[in-house]
Amino acid sequence: MARTTLKIVGRLRFTDEDGLKYSIPVGKPERTIWLEALPNIDNWPTLGSAPESPKRPKLAAGRPRNHEEYRARWQAAKTAEEQWKAAEEDWKRDSQNYILALHADPTYRASAWDFMAKQQQEPKCVMASGSVTFWSFRDKILSLESTDPEIFFQKDPGHFQITDKAILLMKNYVLRRERHFEKIKRDVEALENMEKLTGVPRQPIPDSVRLLVWQRDNGQCVKCGSRERLEFDHIIPFAAGGSSTERNVQLLCETCNRSKGSTL
């Protein structure tokens, strides 16, 4: 049975020091690693090939024929190991200098900004491994894994092609989450602002009604538009039988509310 798993696992970021990188979780216990988001960083056009890691020397094959040969092999292995360690230190230094030059290179920075802009509009693949892929969309890193031929189809052994439906699936997933959290953010802000209002009656207006009225009236006085010293007002006074529903409650500033009371 076809199965598709989609989730947000990390984020994309760009800094002057670290360049354009994305995070993914690895290992057990799980830890987060940061990887370069742009391709070809080991052979950047303006910098050439990155320094290659030195290969660790191999021990001589077979058993030594005598003590002298054993000592000669041991000494050769020791010398080769010391040379390899020295070469590795040089490689680490040269690699660090290459990365610093890469991140400072104008063409790299232009490519990074271009990638950042494009992934705001469409999901961009940052890594693929069989039927598991990692994508960047709106600064979020998504893991997409699927055995559904409408999501992935196999072009040749070990290589999968993604479909347009997969792109739509990722966009829908991220945009719905953003809308959901944006609504939560607005609700929290409204509730926090309501806590600051002067003369807010806790009863008989329920919190749910106050939240709806605050959002409907855009957090301002319906009479003069002021956002200062706001109060919840019963259009038909509660004492005169008015209800505490959304239709009978409005936002007024203290001045408008008092002037209304004087004309009743």
Protein backbone atom coordinates (compact mmCIF):
# COMPACT_ATOMS: atom_id res chain seq x y z
CA MET A 1 0.00 0.00 0.00
CA ALA A 2 1.36 3.43 -0.98
CA ARG A 3 2.50 5.61 1.89
CA THR A 4 3.57 9.25 2.02
CA THR A 5 5.17 10.99 5.01
CA LEU A 6 5.69 14.74 5.05
CA LYS A 7 7.00 16.74 8.01
CA ILE A 8 9.05 19.80 8.89
CA VAL A 9 12.42 18.70 10.26
CA GLY A 10 14.62 21.81 10.18
CA ARG A 11 15.11 25.30 8.84
CA LEU A 12 17.09 27.27 6.31
CA ARG A 13 19.30 30.18 7.31
CA PHE A 14 21.87 32.50 5.77
CA THR A 15 24.61 34.29 7.71
CA ASP A 16 27.76 36.08 6.61
CA GLU A 17 29.91 33.66 8.59
CA ASP A 18 28.25 30.30 7.83
CA GLY A 19 26.76 30.95 4.41
CA LEU A 20 23.51 29.29 3.30
CA LYS A 21 22.81 26.18 5.36
CA TYR A 22 19.93 23.94 6.33
CA SER A 23 19.43 21.76 9.40
CA ILE A 24 18.28 18.13 9.63
CA PRO A 25 18.14 15.66 12.53
CA VAL A 26 20.45 12.62 12.43
CA GLY A 27 21.36 9.66 14.62
CA LYS A 28 20.09 8.17 17.84
CA PRO A 29 20.07 9.93 20.21
CA GLU A 30 18.98 12.55 17.71
CA ARG A 31 21.18 15.55 17.04
CA THR A 32 20.99 18.43 14.57
CA ILE A 33 23.57 18.99 11.85
CA TRP A 34 23.88 21.93 9.44
CA LEU A 35 24.69 21.30 5.77
CA GLU A 36 25.44 23.56 2.82
CA ALA A 37 22.29 24.20 0.80
CA LEU A 38 23.92 25.11 -2.51
CA PRO A 39 25.30 22.46 -4.87
CA ASN A 40 28.86 22.41 -6.24
CA ILE A 41 30.41 23.98 -3.16
CA ASP A 42 33.39 21.60 -3.52
CA ASN A 43 34.12 22.94 -6.99
CA TRP A 44 32.91 26.52 -7.05
CA PRO A 45 33.49 28.17 -10.46
CA THR A 46 35.49 31.13 -9.17
CA LEU A 47 37.50 29.14 -6.60
CA GLY A 48 38.17 25.81 -8.27
CA SER A 49 38.23 22.48 -6.45
CA ALA A 50 38.20 22.31 -2.67
CA PRO A 51 41.19 20.68 -0.97
CA GLU A 52 40.99 16.86 -0.99
CA SER A 53 41.20 14.89 2.20
CA PRO A 54 44.44 12.84 2.42
CA LYS A 55 43.96 9.08 2.42
CA ARG A 56 45.06 7.17 5.48
CA PRO A 57 47.97 4.83 4.71
CA LYS A 58 47.31 1.09 4.55
CA LEU A 59 49.37 -1.47 6.38
CA ALA A 60 51.51 -3.81 4.32
CA ALA A 61 49.75 -7.07 3.45
CA GLY A 62 50.92 -10.47 4.64
CA ARG A 63 52.86 -11.58 7.67
CA PRO A 64 56.47 -10.41 8.09
CA ARG A 65 59.00 -13.16 7.44
CA ASN A 66 61.28 -12.27 10.34
CA HIS A 67 61.90 -9.84 13.18
CA GLU A 68 63.85 -7.41 11.01
CA GLU A 69 61.05 -7.19 8.46
CA TYR A 70 58.54 -6.69 11.30
CA ARG A 71 60.54 -3.75 12.69
CA ALA A 72 60.97 -2.25 9.22
CA ARG A 73 57.22 -2.44 8.58
CA TRP A 74 56.46 -0.98 11.99
CA GLN A 75 58.82 1.95 11.40
CA ALA A 76 57.40 2.56 7.90
CA ALA A 77 53.82 2.46 9.25
CA LYS A 78 54.72 4.89 12.05
CA THR A 79 56.35 7.33 9.61
CA ALA A 80 53.40 7.08 7.19
CA GLU A 81 50.92 7.69 10.03
CA GLU A 82 52.81 10.80 11.18
CA GLN A 83 52.92 12.12 7.62
CA TRP A 84 49.20 11.46 7.20
CA LYS A 85 48.37 13.32 10.43
CA ALA A 86 50.45 16.29 9.31
CA ALA A 87 48.75 16.23 5.90
CA GLU A 88 45.34 16.03 7.54
CA GLU A 89 46.09 19.11 9.66
CA ASP A 90 47.11 20.97 6.50
CA TRP A 91 43.90 19.79 4.80
CA LYS A 92 41.72 21.01 7.68
CA ARG A 93 43.39 24.43 7.58
CA ASP A 94 43.14 24.69 3.79
CA SER A 95 39.51 23.52 3.86
CA GLN A 96 38.61 26.16 6.41
CA ASN A 97 40.25 28.84 4.28
CA TYR A 98 38.38 27.55 1.22
CA ILE A 99 35.03 27.77 3.05
CA LEU A 100 35.82 31.29 4.27
CA ALA A 101 36.68 32.33 0.72
CA LEU A 102 33.55 30.61 -0.60
CA HIS A 103 31.20 32.42 1.79
CA ALA A 104 32.86 35.76 0.99
CA ASP A 105 32.71 35.20 -2.77
CA PRO A 106 30.21 37.56 -4.49
CA THR A 107 28.96 34.83 -6.84
CA TYR A 108 28.26 32.49 -3.91
CA ARG A 109 26.39 35.21 -2.04
CA ALA A 110 24.36 36.08 -5.14
CA SER A 111 23.47 32.40 -5.62
CA ALA A 112 22.51 32.12 -1.94
CA TRP A 113 20.17 35.11 -2.13
CA ASP A 114 18.68 33.78 -5.36
CA PHE A 115 18.01 30.41 -3.72
CA MET A 116 16.46 32.11 -0.69
CA ALA A 117 14.13 34.10 -2.94
CA LYS A 118 13.10 31.15 -5.11
CA GLN A 119 12.32 28.85 -2.18
CA GLN A 120 9.88 31.45 -0.89
CA GLN A 121 7.77 30.75 -3.99
CA GLU A 122 8.39 27.07 -4.76
CA PRO A 123 9.87 24.13 -2.81
CA LYS A 124 13.54 23.58 -3.71
CA CYS A 125 15.29 20.23 -3.23
CA VAL A 126 18.39 20.36 -1.00
CA MET A 127 19.10 16.62 -0.70
CA ALA A 128 17.79 13.36 -2.19
CA SER A 129 18.45 9.79 -1.12
CA GLY A 130 16.33 7.24 -2.93
CA SER A 131 12.67 7.82 -2.16
CA VAL A 132 13.50 10.20 0.74
CA THR A 133 14.07 13.85 -0.13
CA PHE A 134 14.62 17.07 1.79
CA TRP A 135 13.13 20.30 0.53
CA SER A 136 13.35 23.98 1.45
CA PHE A 137 10.15 26.05 1.29
CA ARG A 138 9.60 29.41 2.99
CA ASP A 139 12.73 28.87 5.15
CA LYS A 140 11.47 25.49 6.42
CA ILE A 141 13.12 22.15 5.69
CA LEU A 142 10.67 19.38 4.85
CA SER A 143 11.29 15.66 4.74
CA LEU A 144 9.23 13.96 2.03
CA GLU A 145 9.18 10.17 1.88
CA SER A 146 6.79 8.27 -0.35
CA THR A 147 6.09 4.97 -2.07
CA ASP A 148 3.18 6.54 -3.95
CA PRO A 149 3.77 6.64 -7.75
CA GLU A 150 1.74 9.87 -7.86
CA ILE A 151 4.40 11.44 -5.64
CA PHE A 152 7.56 9.72 -6.88
CA PHE A 153 8.17 7.53 -9.88
CA GLN A 154 11.34 5.56 -10.48
CA LYS A 155 13.28 6.58 -13.58
CA ASP A 156 16.09 4.09 -13.09
CA PRO A 157 17.54 2.05 -10.18
CA GLY A 158 18.27 4.32 -7.23
CA HIS A 159 16.88 7.45 -8.88
CA PHE A 160 13.39 8.86 -8.35
CA GLN A 161 11.63 11.72 -10.10
CA ILE A 162 9.24 13.92 -8.14
CA THR A 163 5.85 14.89 -9.60
CA ASP A 164 3.93 18.18 -9.66
CA LYS A 165 1.49 16.70 -7.12
CA ALA A 166 4.32 16.41 -4.61
CA ILE A 167 5.11 20.11 -5.03
CA LEU A 168 1.46 20.98 -4.39
CA LEU A 169 1.39 18.68 -1.38
CA MET A 170 4.36 20.44 0.22
CA LYS A 171 3.03 23.94 -0.51
CA ASN A 172 -0.37 23.07 0.93
CA TYR A 173 1.22 21.54 4.04
CA VAL A 174 3.40 24.56 4.85
CA LEU A 175 0.87 27.26 3.97
CA ARG A 176 -1.87 25.65 6.05
CA ARG A 177 0.47 25.43 9.03
CA GLU A 178 1.46 29.07 8.62
CA ARG A 179 -2.18 30.14 8.46
CA HIS A 180 -2.99 28.06 11.54
CA PHE A 181 -0.16 29.56 13.61
CA GLU A 182 -0.91 33.06 12.32
CA LYS A 183 -4.47 32.70 13.63
CA ILE A 184 -3.15 31.51 16.99
CA LYS A 185 -0.78 34.50 17.06
CA ARG A 186 -3.65 36.93 16.37
CA ASP A 187 -5.80 35.31 19.06
CA VAL A 188 -3.00 35.51 21.62
CA GLU A 189 -2.29 39.14 20.77
CA ALA A 190 -5.98 39.98 21.08
CA LEU A 191 -6.25 38.25 24.45
CA GLU A 192 -3.09 39.96 25.72
CA ASN A 193 -4.38 43.36 24.59
CA MET A 194 -7.75 42.76 26.20
CA GLU A 195 -6.02 42.14 29.52
CA LYS A 196 -4.72 45.72 29.34
CA LEU A 197 -8.12 47.35 28.79
CA THR A 198 -9.44 49.64 31.49
CA GLY A 199 -12.80 48.90 33.04
CA VAL A 200 -13.20 45.52 31.32
CA PRO A 201 -16.07 43.66 32.95
CA ARG A 202 -15.29 40.01 33.49
CA GLN A 203 -18.99 39.27 33.51
CA PRO A 204 -21.45 39.05 31.94
CA ILE A 205 -19.42 39.10 28.65
CA PRO A 206 -17.71 35.72 28.03
CA ASP A 207 -14.08 35.69 26.91
CA SER A 208 -15.04 34.03 23.61
CA VAL A 209 -17.41 36.92 22.79
CA ARG A 210 -14.82 39.53 23.77
CA LEU A 211 -12.27 37.89 21.47
CA LEU A 212 -14.69 37.89 18.51
CA VAL A 213 -15.69 41.52 19.13
CA TRP A 214 -12.06 42.61 19.42
CA GLN A 215 -11.20 40.99 16.10
CA ARG A 216 -14.36 42.24 14.38
CA ASP A 217 -13.81 45.85 15.51
CA ASN A 218 -10.09 45.68 14.70
CA GLY A 219 -9.09 46.58 18.23
CA GLN A 220 -10.33 50.16 18.00
CA CYS A 221 -13.30 52.32 19.03
CA VAL A 222 -16.16 51.91 16.55
CA LYS A 223 -17.08 55.59 17.01
CA CYS A 224 -13.82 57.51 16.75
CA GLY A 225 -11.23 54.88 15.85
CA SER A 226 -9.15 55.39 19.00
CA ARG A 227 -7.03 52.49 20.27
CA GLU A 228 -6.56 53.99 23.73
CA ARG A 229 -8.53 53.17 26.93
CA LEU A 230 -10.92 50.78 25.17
CA GLU A 231 -13.95 49.22 26.85
CA PHE A 232 -16.49 46.59 25.90
CA ASP A 233 -19.94 48.17 25.65
CA HIS A 234 -23.42 46.63 25.52
CA ILE A 235 -25.28 48.32 22.64
CA ILE A 236 -28.54 47.59 24.43
CA PRO A 237 -27.62 47.94 28.12
CA PHE A 238 -27.45 44.71 30.05
CA ALA A 239 -29.74 46.21 32.69
CA ALA A 240 -32.34 46.86 29.96
CA GLY A 241 -32.31 43.24 28.84
CA GLY A 242 -29.49 43.41 26.33
CA SER A 243 -27.63 40.16 25.76
CA SER A 244 -23.90 39.51 25.99
CA THR A 245 -23.65 38.17 22.45
CA GLU A 246 -21.34 39.36 19.69
CA ARG A 247 -24.17 41.29 18.01
CA ASN A 248 -24.89 43.34 21.14
CA VAL A 249 -21.30 44.11 22.16
CA GLN A 250 -18.97 46.70 20.65
CA LEU A 251 -15.64 48.36 21.38
CA LEU A 252 -15.74 51.98 22.55
CA CYS A 253 -13.05 54.19 24.00
CA GLU A 254 -13.70 55.53 27.48
CA THR A 255 -14.67 58.99 26.14
CA CYS A 256 -17.22 57.66 23.61
CA ASN A 257 -18.62 55.20 26.11
CA ARG A 258 -19.18 57.94 28.69
CA SER A 259 -20.76 60.28 26.13
CA LYS A 260 -23.09 57.49 25.09
CA GLY A 261 -24.12 56.96 28.70
CA SER A 262 -24.93 60.66 29.09
CA THR A 263 -27.35 60.58 26.14
CA LEU A 264 -29.30 57.51 27.19
